[in-house]
């Protein structure tokens, strides 16, 4: 198995129905000061903050994290600006989305609410039209100042482009074949809605997202490769390859994309003295490829073998692992069909 760095529950100010048991609701700084020591004692590696935290509760989480050297990652709450979050020391921000530009918009709450309504309650065609209006309304000078503040404060950014730059032409059918049956119908319906949207408008929106990401990179923000499984048909493991390809499609160099998944990822977790590079004394976690990803980033898929913590996993063993997982997914799918 991979090394896993876990946050525990989402730290949020509300419990929304689609969360299930993911969130830990913190309604006040007192809640935070009572609950965070329990998470730290349980061995979590970082705190993950979410959209609905109040500003004072959010600041209490950041203060506790600074005092006890626990990184804070996640969304930027609607009650806090990106600039404030960066200057308060939030380590990583996740998702390049219409909800990432609150600092650069007049009445950001209205843009946020309309984005939610069109994406999850309308159609992707209406959503993309809304996003075009949003990009036209951005105060880009303010955006640039915010990105410089994020860079100056050592912020890392995981754009999860697979969340927004995603249609059937960009999603390998063989990869989504192993999605859990619980998510497959949802996956297909999302892709259908994306593909039903006006293709020229969709590509314009993709380009605008990409241009904004390059603005962030040019400001010096260090990028991370992330995914946000299981949204939009994202498949564990496979979707990392998709994200590397989206980063390069957006204008990031293949080397910078690889660094987002290795050196930068290790540094974001304060582990850059032991993982993320091929160096003496570092963990021997290595993927050996048959072709150079600096020539074409999709060559990350040409895997010859994997060394995991010093143990070599050759192609036959890797195939056996994959086939075991696929057989389990197939059996789940058959059972689901028989129960219907």
C-alpha atoms as a PDB file:
ATOM      1  CA  UNK A   1       0.000   0.000   0.000  1.00  0.00           C
ATOM      2  CA  UNK A   2       1.132   3.609  -0.446  1.00  0.00           C
ATOM      3  CA  UNK A   3       2.160   5.797   2.456  1.00  0.00           C
ATOM      4  CA  UNK A   4      -0.973   7.593   3.585  1.00  0.00           C
ATOM      5  CA  UNK A   5      -1.074  10.947   5.361  1.00  0.00           C
ATOM      6  CA  UNK A   6      -4.526  11.389   6.814  1.00  0.00           C
ATOM      7  CA  UNK A   7      -6.492  14.354   8.109  1.00  0.00           C
ATOM      8  CA  UNK A   8      -9.309  12.571   9.842  1.00  0.00           C
ATOM      9  CA  UNK A   9     -12.702  14.284   9.549  1.00  0.00           C
ATOM     10  CA  UNK A  10     -13.424  17.471   7.648  1.00  0.00           C
ATOM     11  CA  UNK A  11     -13.536  20.427   9.997  1.00  0.00           C
ATOM     12  CA  UNK A  12     -16.637  22.380   9.069  1.00  0.00           C
ATOM     13  CA  UNK A  13     -19.184  24.671  10.604  1.00  0.00           C
ATOM     14  CA  UNK A  14     -22.164  22.740   9.275  1.00  0.00           C
ATOM     15  CA  UNK A  15     -23.305  19.204   8.504  1.00  0.00           C
ATOM     16  CA  UNK A  16     -24.711  18.994   4.975  1.00  0.00           C
ATOM     17  CA  UNK A  17     -26.646  15.883   3.933  1.00  0.00           C
ATOM     18  CA  UNK A  18     -24.191  14.706   1.252  1.00  0.00           C
ATOM     19  CA  UNK A  19     -21.290  14.667   3.719  1.00  0.00           C
ATOM     20  CA  UNK A  20     -22.401  11.508   5.498  1.00  0.00           C
ATOM     21  CA  UNK A  21     -20.118  11.005   8.492  1.00  0.00           C
ATOM     22  CA  UNK A  22     -17.188  12.951   6.982  1.00  0.00           C
ATOM     23  CA  UNK A  23     -17.396  16.209   8.938  1.00  0.00           C
ATOM     24  CA  UNK A  24     -16.614  17.169  12.486  1.00  0.00           C
ATOM     25  CA  UNK A  25     -18.798  20.218  13.093  1.00  0.00           C
ATOM     26  CA  UNK A  26     -17.014  23.003  14.969  1.00  0.00           C
ATOM     27  CA  UNK A  27     -19.320  25.917  15.741  1.00  0.00           C
ATOM     28  CA  UNK A  28     -16.947  28.017  17.825  1.00  0.00           C
ATOM     29  CA  UNK A  29     -13.294  28.456  18.841  1.00  0.00           C
ATOM     30  CA  UNK A  30     -14.175  26.603  22.050  1.00  0.00           C
ATOM     31  CA  UNK A  31     -15.277  23.594  19.970  1.00  0.00           C
ATOM     32  CA  UNK A  32     -11.975  23.720  18.098  1.00  0.00           C
ATOM     33  CA  UNK A  33      -9.859  23.954  21.241  1.00  0.00           C
ATOM     34  CA  UNK A  34     -11.740  20.997  22.731  1.00  0.00           C
ATOM     35  CA  UNK A  35     -11.700  18.691  19.688  1.00  0.00           C
ATOM     36  CA  UNK A  36      -8.364  19.371  17.961  1.00  0.00           C
ATOM     37  CA  UNK A  37      -6.226  17.842  20.759  1.00  0.00           C
ATOM     38  CA  UNK A  38      -8.250  14.625  20.388  1.00  0.00           C
ATOM     39  CA  UNK A  39      -7.461  14.478  16.657  1.00  0.00           C
ATOM     40  CA  UNK A  40      -3.799  15.234  17.290  1.00  0.00           C
ATOM     41  CA  UNK A  41      -3.594  12.518  19.940  1.00  0.00           C
ATOM     42  CA  UNK A  42      -5.258  10.097  17.512  1.00  0.00           C
ATOM     43  CA  UNK A  43      -2.295  10.591  15.174  1.00  0.00           C
ATOM     44  CA  UNK A  44      -3.680  12.696  12.324  1.00  0.00           C
ATOM     45  CA  UNK A  45      -1.067  14.283  10.072  1.00  0.00           C
ATOM     46  CA  UNK A  46      -2.859  17.551   9.310  1.00  0.00           C
ATOM     47  CA  UNK A  47      -6.168  19.331   9.780  1.00  0.00           C
ATOM     48  CA  UNK A  48      -8.517  19.759   6.816  1.00  0.00           C
ATOM     49  CA  UNK A  49     -10.695  22.876   6.959  1.00  0.00           C
ATOM     50  CA  UNK A  50     -13.861  23.302   4.928  1.00  0.00           C
ATOM     51  CA  UNK A  51     -16.271  25.868   3.518  1.00  0.00           C
ATOM     52  CA  UNK A  52     -18.674  26.564   6.382  1.00  0.00           C
ATOM     53  CA  UNK A  53     -16.299  27.444   9.242  1.00  0.00           C
ATOM     54  CA  UNK A  54     -16.783  30.819  10.889  1.00  0.00           C
ATOM     55  CA  UNK A  55     -13.829  33.184  10.717  1.00  0.00           C
ATOM     56  CA  UNK A  56     -13.058  32.980  14.447  1.00  0.00           C
ATOM     57  CA  UNK A  57     -13.275  29.177  14.493  1.00  0.00           C
ATOM     58  CA  UNK A  58     -11.009  29.015  11.456  1.00  0.00           C
ATOM     59  CA  UNK A  59      -8.442  31.243  13.142  1.00  0.00           C
ATOM     60  CA  UNK A  60      -8.574  29.062  16.265  1.00  0.00           C
ATOM     61  CA  UNK A  61      -7.728  26.017  14.109  1.00  0.00           C
ATOM     62  CA  UNK A  62      -4.814  27.846  12.496  1.00  0.00           C
ATOM     63  CA  UNK A  63      -3.551  29.012  15.888  1.00  0.00           C
ATOM     64  CA  UNK A  64      -3.651  25.488  17.304  1.00  0.00           C
ATOM     65  CA  UNK A  65      -1.905  24.142  14.205  1.00  0.00           C
ATOM     66  CA  UNK A  66       0.886  26.723  14.508  1.00  0.00           C
ATOM     67  CA  UNK A  67       1.346  26.046  18.220  1.00  0.00           C
ATOM     68  CA  UNK A  68       1.586  22.276  17.777  1.00  0.00           C
ATOM     69  CA  UNK A  69       3.209  22.163  14.332  1.00  0.00           C
ATOM     70  CA  UNK A  70       0.232  20.508  12.652  1.00  0.00           C
ATOM     71  CA  UNK A  71      -0.261  21.705   9.034  1.00  0.00           C
ATOM     72  CA  UNK A  72      -3.679  22.986   7.963  1.00  0.00           C
ATOM     73  CA  UNK A  73      -4.949  22.109   4.484  1.00  0.00           C
ATOM     74  CA  UNK A  74      -8.202  22.165   2.583  1.00  0.00           C
ATOM     75  CA  UNK A  75     -10.761  24.644   1.330  1.00  0.00           C
ATOM     76  CA  UNK A  76     -10.788  28.309   2.219  1.00  0.00           C
ATOM     77  CA  UNK A  77     -13.980  28.967   4.213  1.00  0.00           C
ATOM     78  CA  UNK A  78     -16.430  31.432   2.703  1.00  0.00           C
ATOM     79  CA  UNK A  79     -15.971  33.582   5.811  1.00  0.00           C
ATOM     80  CA  UNK A  80     -12.254  34.095   5.056  1.00  0.00           C
ATOM     81  CA  UNK A  81     -10.415  35.593   2.083  1.00  0.00           C
ATOM     82  CA  UNK A  82      -7.662  33.683   0.300  1.00  0.00           C
ATOM     83  CA  UNK A  83      -5.196  36.393   1.244  1.00  0.00           C
ATOM     84  CA  UNK A  84      -6.134  36.117   4.918  1.00  0.00           C
ATOM     85  CA  UNK A  85      -5.875  32.322   4.770  1.00  0.00           C
ATOM     86  CA  UNK A  86      -2.420  32.518   3.218  1.00  0.00           C
ATOM     87  CA  UNK A  87      -1.172  35.072   5.725  1.00  0.00           C
ATOM     88  CA  UNK A  88      -2.633  32.979   8.573  1.00  0.00           C
ATOM     89  CA  UNK A  89      -0.485  30.045   7.490  1.00  0.00           C
ATOM     90  CA  UNK A  90      -2.856  27.600   5.787  1.00  0.00           C
ATOM     91  CA  UNK A  91      -0.406  25.234   4.114  1.00  0.00           C
ATOM     92  CA  UNK A  92      -2.349  24.051   1.077  1.00  0.00           C
ATOM     93  CA  UNK A  93      -5.416  25.209  -0.811  1.00  0.00           C
ATOM     94  CA  UNK A  94      -7.412  22.726  -2.877  1.00  0.00           C
ATOM     95  CA  UNK A  95      -9.358  23.086  -6.144  1.00  0.00           C
ATOM     96  CA  UNK A  96      -9.177  25.609  -8.951  1.00  0.00           C
ATOM     97  CA  UNK A  97     -12.880  26.286  -9.247  1.00  0.00           C
ATOM     98  CA  UNK A  98     -15.260  29.244  -9.517  1.00  0.00           C
ATOM     99  CA  UNK A  99     -15.216  29.277  -5.734  1.00  0.00           C
ATOM    100  CA  UNK A 100     -11.467  30.056  -5.724  1.00  0.00           C
ATOM    101  CA  UNK A 101     -11.837  33.675  -6.816  1.00  0.00           C
ATOM    102  CA  UNK A 102     -13.777  35.281  -3.981  1.00  0.00           C
ATOM    103  CA  UNK A 103     -11.055  37.854  -3.324  1.00  0.00           C
ATOM    104  CA  UNK A 104     -11.251  39.058  -6.930  1.00  0.00           C
ATOM    105  CA  UNK A 105     -15.035  39.465  -7.242  1.00  0.00           C
ATOM    106  CA  UNK A 106     -17.684  41.884  -6.076  1.00  0.00           C
ATOM    107  CA  UNK A 107     -20.310  40.005  -4.023  1.00  0.00           C
ATOM    108  CA  UNK A 108     -18.501  36.633  -4.059  1.00  0.00           C
ATOM    109  CA  UNK A 109     -21.286  34.892  -2.108  1.00  0.00           C
ATOM    110  CA  UNK A 110     -23.696  35.487  -4.986  1.00  0.00           C
ATOM    111  CA  UNK A 111     -21.217  34.012  -7.472  1.00  0.00           C
ATOM    112  CA  UNK A 112     -20.678  31.053  -5.153  1.00  0.00           C
ATOM    113  CA  UNK A 113     -24.399  30.337  -4.698  1.00  0.00           C
ATOM    114  CA  UNK A 114     -25.111  30.653  -8.429  1.00  0.00           C
ATOM    115  CA  UNK A 115     -22.193  28.358  -9.213  1.00  0.00           C
ATOM    116  CA  UNK A 116     -23.537  25.678  -6.867  1.00  0.00           C
ATOM    117  CA  UNK A 117     -27.059  26.037  -8.260  1.00  0.00           C
ATOM    118  CA  UNK A 118     -26.013  25.783 -11.913  1.00  0.00           C
ATOM    119  CA  UNK A 119     -23.478  22.977 -11.478  1.00  0.00           C
ATOM    120  CA  UNK A 120     -25.517  20.708  -9.210  1.00  0.00           C
ATOM    121  CA  UNK A 121     -29.053  21.799  -9.926  1.00  0.00           C
ATOM    122  CA  UNK A 122     -28.966  22.772 -13.577  1.00  0.00           C
ATOM    123  CA  UNK A 123     -26.836  21.651 -16.490  1.00  0.00           C
ATOM    124  CA  UNK A 124     -23.192  21.966 -17.372  1.00  0.00           C
ATOM    125  CA  UNK A 125     -24.090  24.192 -20.308  1.00  0.00           C
ATOM    126  CA  UNK A 126     -25.655  26.716 -17.908  1.00  0.00           C
ATOM    127  CA  UNK A 127     -22.724  26.238 -15.525  1.00  0.00           C
ATOM    128  CA  UNK A 128     -20.149  26.988 -18.227  1.00  0.00           C
ATOM    129  CA  UNK A 129     -22.096  30.106 -19.219  1.00  0.00           C
ATOM    130  CA  UNK A 130     -21.973  31.217 -15.576  1.00  0.00           C
ATOM    131  CA  UNK A 131     -18.213  30.579 -15.445  1.00  0.00           C
ATOM    132  CA  UNK A 132     -17.644  32.694 -18.555  1.00  0.00           C
ATOM    133  CA  UNK A 133     -19.508  35.543 -16.842  1.00  0.00           C
ATOM    134  CA  UNK A 134     -17.419  35.009 -13.700  1.00  0.00           C
ATOM    135  CA  UNK A 135     -14.109  35.225 -15.540  1.00  0.00           C
ATOM    136  CA  UNK A 136     -15.287  38.385 -17.297  1.00  0.00           C
ATOM    137  CA  UNK A 137     -16.068  39.931 -13.893  1.00  0.00           C
ATOM    138  CA  UNK A 138     -12.715  39.104 -12.243  1.00  0.00           C
ATOM    139  CA  UNK A 139     -10.542  41.939 -10.958  1.00  0.00           C
ATOM    140  CA  UNK A 140      -7.301  40.415 -12.252  1.00  0.00           C
ATOM    141  CA  UNK A 141      -5.029  42.925 -10.556  1.00  0.00           C
ATOM    142  CA  UNK A 142      -6.513  41.951  -7.208  1.00  0.00           C
ATOM    143  CA  UNK A 143      -6.140  38.271  -8.139  1.00  0.00           C
ATOM    144  CA  UNK A 144      -2.474  38.828  -8.891  1.00  0.00           C
ATOM    145  CA  UNK A 145      -1.916  40.528  -5.522  1.00  0.00           C
ATOM    146  CA  UNK A 146      -3.619  37.624  -3.747  1.00  0.00           C
ATOM    147  CA  UNK A 147      -1.482  35.064  -5.597  1.00  0.00           C
ATOM    148  CA  UNK A 148       1.680  36.965  -4.685  1.00  0.00           C
ATOM    149  CA  UNK A 149       0.610  36.900  -1.034  1.00  0.00           C
ATOM    150  CA  UNK A 150       0.009  33.149  -1.262  1.00  0.00           C
ATOM    151  CA  UNK A 151       3.463  32.686  -2.756  1.00  0.00           C
ATOM    152  CA  UNK A 152       5.159  34.892  -0.169  1.00  0.00           C
ATOM    153  CA  UNK A 153       3.579  32.898   2.645  1.00  0.00           C
ATOM    154  CA  UNK A 154       4.670  29.519   1.273  1.00  0.00           C
ATOM    155  CA  UNK A 155       1.241  28.339   0.184  1.00  0.00           C
ATOM    156  CA  UNK A 156       0.894  25.198  -1.929  1.00  0.00           C
ATOM    157  CA  UNK A 157      -2.012  24.883  -4.362  1.00  0.00           C
ATOM    158  CA  UNK A 158      -3.612  21.653  -5.598  1.00  0.00           C
ATOM    159  CA  UNK A 159      -5.758  22.746  -8.567  1.00  0.00           C
ATOM    160  CA  UNK A 160      -7.360  19.301  -9.122  1.00  0.00           C
ATOM    161  CA  UNK A 161      -7.921  20.185 -12.762  1.00  0.00           C
ATOM    162  CA  UNK A 162      -9.590  16.810 -13.269  1.00  0.00           C
ATOM    163  CA  UNK A 163     -12.555  18.310 -11.414  1.00  0.00           C
ATOM    164  CA  UNK A 164     -13.134  21.024 -14.030  1.00  0.00           C
ATOM    165  CA  UNK A 165     -11.318  19.976 -17.241  1.00  0.00           C
ATOM    166  CA  UNK A 166     -13.183  16.739 -17.606  1.00  0.00           C
ATOM    167  CA  UNK A 167     -15.175  15.177 -20.447  1.00  0.00           C
ATOM    168  CA  UNK A 168     -15.296  11.755 -22.096  1.00  0.00           C
ATOM    169  CA  UNK A 169     -12.500  12.604 -24.520  1.00  0.00           C
ATOM    170  CA  UNK A 170     -10.231  13.178 -21.516  1.00  0.00           C
ATOM    171  CA  UNK A 171     -11.333  10.178 -19.432  1.00  0.00           C
ATOM    172  CA  UNK A 172      -9.956   6.756 -20.496  1.00  0.00           C
ATOM    173  CA  UNK A 173     -12.788   4.224 -20.628  1.00  0.00           C
ATOM    174  CA  UNK A 174     -10.483   1.470 -19.320  1.00  0.00           C
ATOM    175  CA  UNK A 175      -9.766   3.520 -16.192  1.00  0.00           C
ATOM    176  CA  UNK A 176     -13.359   4.245 -15.239  1.00  0.00           C
ATOM    177  CA  UNK A 177     -14.249   0.579 -15.821  1.00  0.00           C
ATOM    178  CA  UNK A 178     -13.023  -0.141 -12.303  1.00  0.00           C
ATOM    179  CA  UNK A 179     -15.025   2.565 -10.566  1.00  0.00           C
ATOM    180  CA  UNK A 180     -17.061   1.218  -7.693  1.00  0.00           C
ATOM    181  CA  UNK A 181     -20.651   0.445  -8.737  1.00  0.00           C
ATOM    182  CA  UNK A 182     -21.819   2.931  -6.097  1.00  0.00           C
ATOM    183  CA  UNK A 183     -20.430   5.745  -8.246  1.00  0.00           C
ATOM    184  CA  UNK A 184     -20.633   4.425 -11.809  1.00  0.00           C
ATOM    185  CA  UNK A 185     -24.157   5.652 -12.607  1.00  0.00           C
ATOM    186  CA  UNK A 186     -23.307   9.068 -11.188  1.00  0.00           C
ATOM    187  CA  UNK A 187     -20.097   9.073 -13.205  1.00  0.00           C
ATOM    188  CA  UNK A 188     -21.938   8.374 -16.438  1.00  0.00           C
ATOM    189  CA  UNK A 189     -24.605  11.000 -15.772  1.00  0.00           C
ATOM    190  CA  UNK A 190     -21.970  13.671 -15.056  1.00  0.00           C
ATOM    191  CA  UNK A 191     -20.023  12.872 -18.228  1.00  0.00           C
ATOM    192  CA  UNK A 192     -23.252  12.886 -20.248  1.00  0.00           C
ATOM    193  CA  UNK A 193     -24.127  16.344 -18.921  1.00  0.00           C
ATOM    194  CA  UNK A 194     -20.620  17.657 -19.652  1.00  0.00           C
ATOM    195  CA  UNK A 195     -20.697  16.298 -23.187  1.00  0.00           C
ATOM    196  CA  UNK A 196     -24.179  17.715 -23.802  1.00  0.00           C
ATOM    197  CA  UNK A 197     -22.837  21.227 -23.170  1.00  0.00           C
ATOM    198  CA  UNK A 198     -21.764  23.469 -26.031  1.00  0.00           C
ATOM    199  CA  UNK A 199     -18.280  22.169 -26.850  1.00  0.00           C
ATOM    200  CA  UNK A 200     -16.838  25.529 -27.909  1.00  0.00           C
ATOM    201  CA  UNK A 201     -18.022  27.208 -24.713  1.00  0.00           C
ATOM    202  CA  UNK A 202     -16.653  24.302 -22.670  1.00  0.00           C
ATOM    203  CA  UNK A 203     -13.214  24.610 -24.281  1.00  0.00           C
ATOM    204  CA  UNK A 204     -13.191  28.387 -23.720  1.00  0.00           C
ATOM    205  CA  UNK A 205     -13.885  27.792 -20.028  1.00  0.00           C
ATOM    206  CA  UNK A 206     -11.133  25.158 -19.886  1.00  0.00           C
ATOM    207  CA  UNK A 207      -8.710  27.684 -21.366  1.00  0.00           C
ATOM    208  CA  UNK A 208      -9.736  30.342 -18.840  1.00  0.00           C
ATOM    209  CA  UNK A 209      -9.153  27.964 -15.947  1.00  0.00           C
ATOM    210  CA  UNK A 210      -5.776  27.067 -17.447  1.00  0.00           C
ATOM    211  CA  UNK A 211      -4.755  30.702 -17.900  1.00  0.00           C
ATOM    212  CA  UNK A 212      -5.634  31.418 -14.273  1.00  0.00           C
ATOM    213  CA  UNK A 213      -3.539  28.473 -13.106  1.00  0.00           C
ATOM    214  CA  UNK A 214      -0.573  29.832 -15.063  1.00  0.00           C
ATOM    215  CA  UNK A 215      -1.099  33.220 -13.393  1.00  0.00           C
ATOM    216  CA  UNK A 216      -0.805  31.445 -10.032  1.00  0.00           C
ATOM    217  CA  UNK A 217       2.311  29.552 -11.113  1.00  0.00           C
ATOM    218  CA  UNK A 218       3.940  32.700 -12.469  1.00  0.00           C
ATOM    219  CA  UNK A 219       3.330  34.367  -9.083  1.00  0.00           C
ATOM    220  CA  UNK A 220       5.501  31.648  -7.538  1.00  0.00           C
ATOM    221  CA  UNK A 221       2.828  29.425  -5.981  1.00  0.00           C
ATOM    222  CA  UNK A 222       4.039  25.831  -5.722  1.00  0.00           C
ATOM    223  CA  UNK A 223       1.657  23.353  -7.337  1.00  0.00           C
ATOM    224  CA  UNK A 224       0.521  19.943  -6.096  1.00  0.00           C
ATOM    225  CA  UNK A 225      -1.027  17.093  -8.082  1.00  0.00           C
ATOM    226  CA  UNK A 226      -4.380  16.115  -6.572  1.00  0.00           C
ATOM    227  CA  UNK A 227      -7.638  14.518  -7.666  1.00  0.00           C
ATOM    228  CA  UNK A 228     -10.694  14.757  -5.322  1.00  0.00           C
ATOM    229  CA  UNK A 229     -11.964  11.221  -5.808  1.00  0.00           C
ATOM    230  CA  UNK A 230     -14.768  10.183  -6.439  1.00  0.00           C
ATOM    231  CA  UNK A 231     -16.119  13.371  -8.066  1.00  0.00           C
ATOM    232  CA  UNK A 232     -16.516  13.488 -11.857  1.00  0.00           C
ATOM    233  CA  UNK A 233     -15.519   9.837 -12.426  1.00  0.00           C
ATOM    234  CA  UNK A 234     -12.142  10.242 -10.736  1.00  0.00           C
ATOM    235  CA  UNK A 235     -10.514   6.856 -10.101  1.00  0.00           C
ATOM    236  CA  UNK A 236      -7.986   6.297  -7.293  1.00  0.00           C
ATOM    237  CA  UNK A 237      -4.457   5.999  -8.683  1.00  0.00           C
ATOM    238  CA  UNK A 238      -5.377   6.348 -12.339  1.00  0.00           C
ATOM    239  CA  UNK A 239      -6.619   9.900 -11.882  1.00  0.00           C
ATOM    240  CA  UNK A 240      -3.143  11.046 -10.824  1.00  0.00           C
ATOM    241  CA  UNK A 241      -2.027  10.333 -14.399  1.00  0.00           C
ATOM    242  CA  UNK A 242      -5.024  12.351 -15.625  1.00  0.00           C
ATOM    243  CA  UNK A 243      -4.057  15.276 -13.403  1.00  0.00           C
ATOM    244  CA  UNK A 244      -0.465  15.288 -14.635  1.00  0.00           C
ATOM    245  CA  UNK A 245      -1.790  15.351 -18.204  1.00  0.00           C
ATOM    246  CA  UNK A 246      -4.232  18.192 -17.384  1.00  0.00           C
ATOM    247  CA  UNK A 247      -1.427  20.230 -15.812  1.00  0.00           C
ATOM    248  CA  UNK A 248       0.635  19.935 -18.987  1.00  0.00           C
ATOM    249  CA  UNK A 249      -2.432  20.641 -21.131  1.00  0.00           C
ATOM    250  CA  UNK A 250      -2.894  23.843 -19.115  1.00  0.00           C
ATOM    251  CA  UNK A 251       0.649  25.002 -19.891  1.00  0.00           C
ATOM    252  CA  UNK A 252       2.699  23.603 -16.991  1.00  0.00           C
ATOM    253  CA  UNK A 253       5.900  21.906 -18.177  1.00  0.00           C
ATOM    254  CA  UNK A 254       6.209  18.107 -17.808  1.00  0.00           C
ATOM    255  CA  UNK A 255       9.023  18.630 -15.282  1.00  0.00           C
ATOM    256  CA  UNK A 256       6.883  20.990 -13.192  1.00  0.00           C
ATOM    257  CA  UNK A 257       3.987  18.524 -13.317  1.00  0.00           C
ATOM    258  CA  UNK A 258       6.239  15.722 -12.052  1.00  0.00           C
ATOM    259  CA  UNK A 259       7.561  17.976  -9.303  1.00  0.00           C
ATOM    260  CA  UNK A 260       3.973  18.693  -8.233  1.00  0.00           C
ATOM    261  CA  UNK A 261       3.528  14.975  -7.551  1.00  0.00           C
ATOM    262  CA  UNK A 262       6.928  14.358  -5.939  1.00  0.00           C
ATOM    263  CA  UNK A 263       9.198  17.078  -4.545  1.00  0.00           C
ATOM    264  CA  UNK A 264       6.429  19.609  -3.869  1.00  0.00           C
ATOM    265  CA  UNK A 265       4.123  16.992  -2.347  1.00  0.00           C
ATOM    266  CA  UNK A 266       6.840  15.867   0.048  1.00  0.00           C
ATOM    267  CA  UNK A 267       7.661  19.446   1.041  1.00  0.00           C
ATOM    268  CA  UNK A 268       3.990  20.257   1.650  1.00  0.00           C
ATOM    269  CA  UNK A 269       3.914  17.482   4.259  1.00  0.00           C
ATOM    270  CA  UNK A 270       7.289  18.443   5.805  1.00  0.00           C
ATOM    271  CA  UNK A 271       8.741  15.177   4.507  1.00  0.00           C
ATOM    272  CA  UNK A 272      11.099  16.533   1.852  1.00  0.00           C
ATOM    273  CA  UNK A 273      14.095  15.247   3.811  1.00  0.00           C
ATOM    274  CA  UNK A 274      12.994  11.632   3.400  1.00  0.00           C
ATOM    275  CA  UNK A 275      10.644  11.157   0.424  1.00  0.00           C
ATOM    276  CA  UNK A 276       9.937  12.637  -2.997  1.00  0.00           C
ATOM    277  CA  UNK A 277      13.422  12.392  -4.510  1.00  0.00           C
ATOM    278  CA  UNK A 278      15.977   9.800  -5.629  1.00  0.00           C
ATOM    279  CA  UNK A 279      18.708  10.488  -3.080  1.00  0.00           C
ATOM    280  CA  UNK A 280      20.835   8.433  -0.675  1.00  0.00           C
ATOM    281  CA  UNK A 281      18.992   7.832   2.574  1.00  0.00           C
ATOM    282  CA  UNK A 282      15.556   8.613   1.147  1.00  0.00           C
ATOM    283  CA  UNK A 283      12.698   6.080   1.083  1.00  0.00           C
ATOM    284  CA  UNK A 284      13.069   3.772  -1.921  1.00  0.00           C
ATOM    285  CA  UNK A 285       9.656   4.513  -3.443  1.00  0.00           C
ATOM    286  CA  UNK A 286      10.327   4.478  -7.184  1.00  0.00           C
ATOM    287  CA  UNK A 287       8.311   4.041 -10.381  1.00  0.00           C
ATOM    288  CA  UNK A 288      10.429   2.788 -13.286  1.00  0.00           C
ATOM    289  CA  UNK A 289       9.065   3.794 -16.709  1.00  0.00           C
ATOM    290  CA  UNK A 290       9.690   2.496 -20.222  1.00  0.00           C
ATOM    291  CA  UNK A 291       9.556   5.986 -21.762  1.00  0.00           C
ATOM    292  CA  UNK A 292      10.569   9.469 -20.688  1.00  0.00           C
ATOM    293  CA  UNK A 293       7.721  11.573 -19.205  1.00  0.00           C
ATOM    294  CA  UNK A 294       9.706  14.737 -19.939  1.00  0.00           C
ATOM    295  CA  UNK A 295       9.145  13.976 -23.635  1.00  0.00           C
ATOM    296  CA  UNK A 296       5.433  13.262 -23.150  1.00  0.00           C
ATOM    297  CA  UNK A 297       3.742  13.338 -19.771  1.00  0.00           C
ATOM    298  CA  UNK A 298       1.444  10.425 -20.649  1.00  0.00           C
ATOM    299  CA  UNK A 299       4.573   8.259 -20.519  1.00  0.00           C
ATOM    300  CA  UNK A 300       3.976   8.078 -16.762  1.00  0.00           C
ATOM    301  CA  UNK A 301       1.614   5.275 -17.747  1.00  0.00           C
ATOM    302  CA  UNK A 302       4.399   3.172 -19.322  1.00  0.00           C
ATOM    303  CA  UNK A 303       5.197   1.487 -16.024  1.00  0.00           C
ATOM    304  CA  UNK A 304       7.911  -1.182 -16.078  1.00  0.00           C
ATOM    305  CA  UNK A 305       7.811  -1.847 -12.354  1.00  0.00           C
ATOM    306  CA  UNK A 306       7.477  -0.285  -8.919  1.00  0.00           C
ATOM    307  CA  UNK A 307       9.769  -0.261  -5.924  1.00  0.00           C
ATOM    308  CA  UNK A 308       7.743   0.262  -2.762  1.00  0.00           C
ATOM    309  CA  UNK A 309       9.753   0.964   0.364  1.00  0.00           C
ATOM    310  CA  UNK A 310      12.679  -0.960  -1.105  1.00  0.00           C
ATOM    311  CA  UNK A 311      10.699  -3.988  -2.369  1.00  0.00           C
ATOM    312  CA  UNK A 312      10.517  -4.524  -6.115  1.00  0.00           C
ATOM    313  CA  UNK A 313       7.065  -5.205  -7.595  1.00  0.00           C
ATOM    314  CA  UNK A 314       7.404  -6.517 -11.132  1.00  0.00           C
ATOM    315  CA  UNK A 315       4.798  -6.507 -13.897  1.00  0.00           C
ATOM    316  CA  UNK A 316       3.314  -9.970 -13.120  1.00  0.00           C
ATOM    317  CA  UNK A 317       2.754  -9.065  -9.467  1.00  0.00           C
ATOM    318  CA  UNK A 318       1.353  -5.663 -10.412  1.00  0.00           C
ATOM    319  CA  UNK A 319      -1.036  -7.315 -12.873  1.00  0.00           C
ATOM    320  CA  UNK A 320      -2.118  -9.780 -10.180  1.00  0.00           C
ATOM    321  CA  UNK A 321      -2.880  -6.927  -7.781  1.00  0.00           C
ATOM    322  CA  UNK A 322      -4.847  -5.073 -10.445  1.00  0.00           C
ATOM    323  CA  UNK A 323      -6.812  -8.169 -11.501  1.00  0.00           C
ATOM    324  CA  UNK A 324      -7.729  -8.887  -7.879  1.00  0.00           C
ATOM    325  CA  UNK A 325      -9.118  -5.387  -7.469  1.00  0.00           C
ATOM    326  CA  UNK A 326     -10.964  -5.540 -10.796  1.00  0.00           C
ATOM    327  CA  UNK A 327     -12.512  -8.918  -9.917  1.00  0.00           C
ATOM    328  CA  UNK A 328     -13.749  -7.484  -6.635  1.00  0.00           C
ATOM    329  CA  UNK A 329     -15.322  -4.499  -8.426  1.00  0.00           C
ATOM    330  CA  UNK A 330     -16.907  -6.778 -11.042  1.00  0.00           C
ATOM    331  CA  UNK A 331     -18.416  -8.990  -8.343  1.00  0.00           C
ATOM    332  CA  UNK A 332     -19.850  -5.934  -6.615  1.00  0.00           C
ATOM    333  CA  UNK A 333     -21.373  -4.832  -9.920  1.00  0.00           C
ATOM    334  CA  UNK A 334     -22.932  -8.259 -10.535  1.00  0.00           C
ATOM    335  CA  UNK A 335     -24.386  -8.333  -7.025  1.00  0.00           C
ATOM    336  CA  UNK A 336     -25.822  -4.847  -7.457  1.00  0.00           C
ATOM    337  CA  UNK A 337     -27.495  -5.858 -10.732  1.00  0.00           C
ATOM    338  CA  UNK A 338     -28.938  -9.006  -9.184  1.00  0.00           C
ATOM    339  CA  UNK A 339     -30.353  -7.004  -6.272  1.00  0.00           C
ATOM    340  CA  UNK A 340     -32.181  -4.604  -8.590  1.00  0.00           C
END
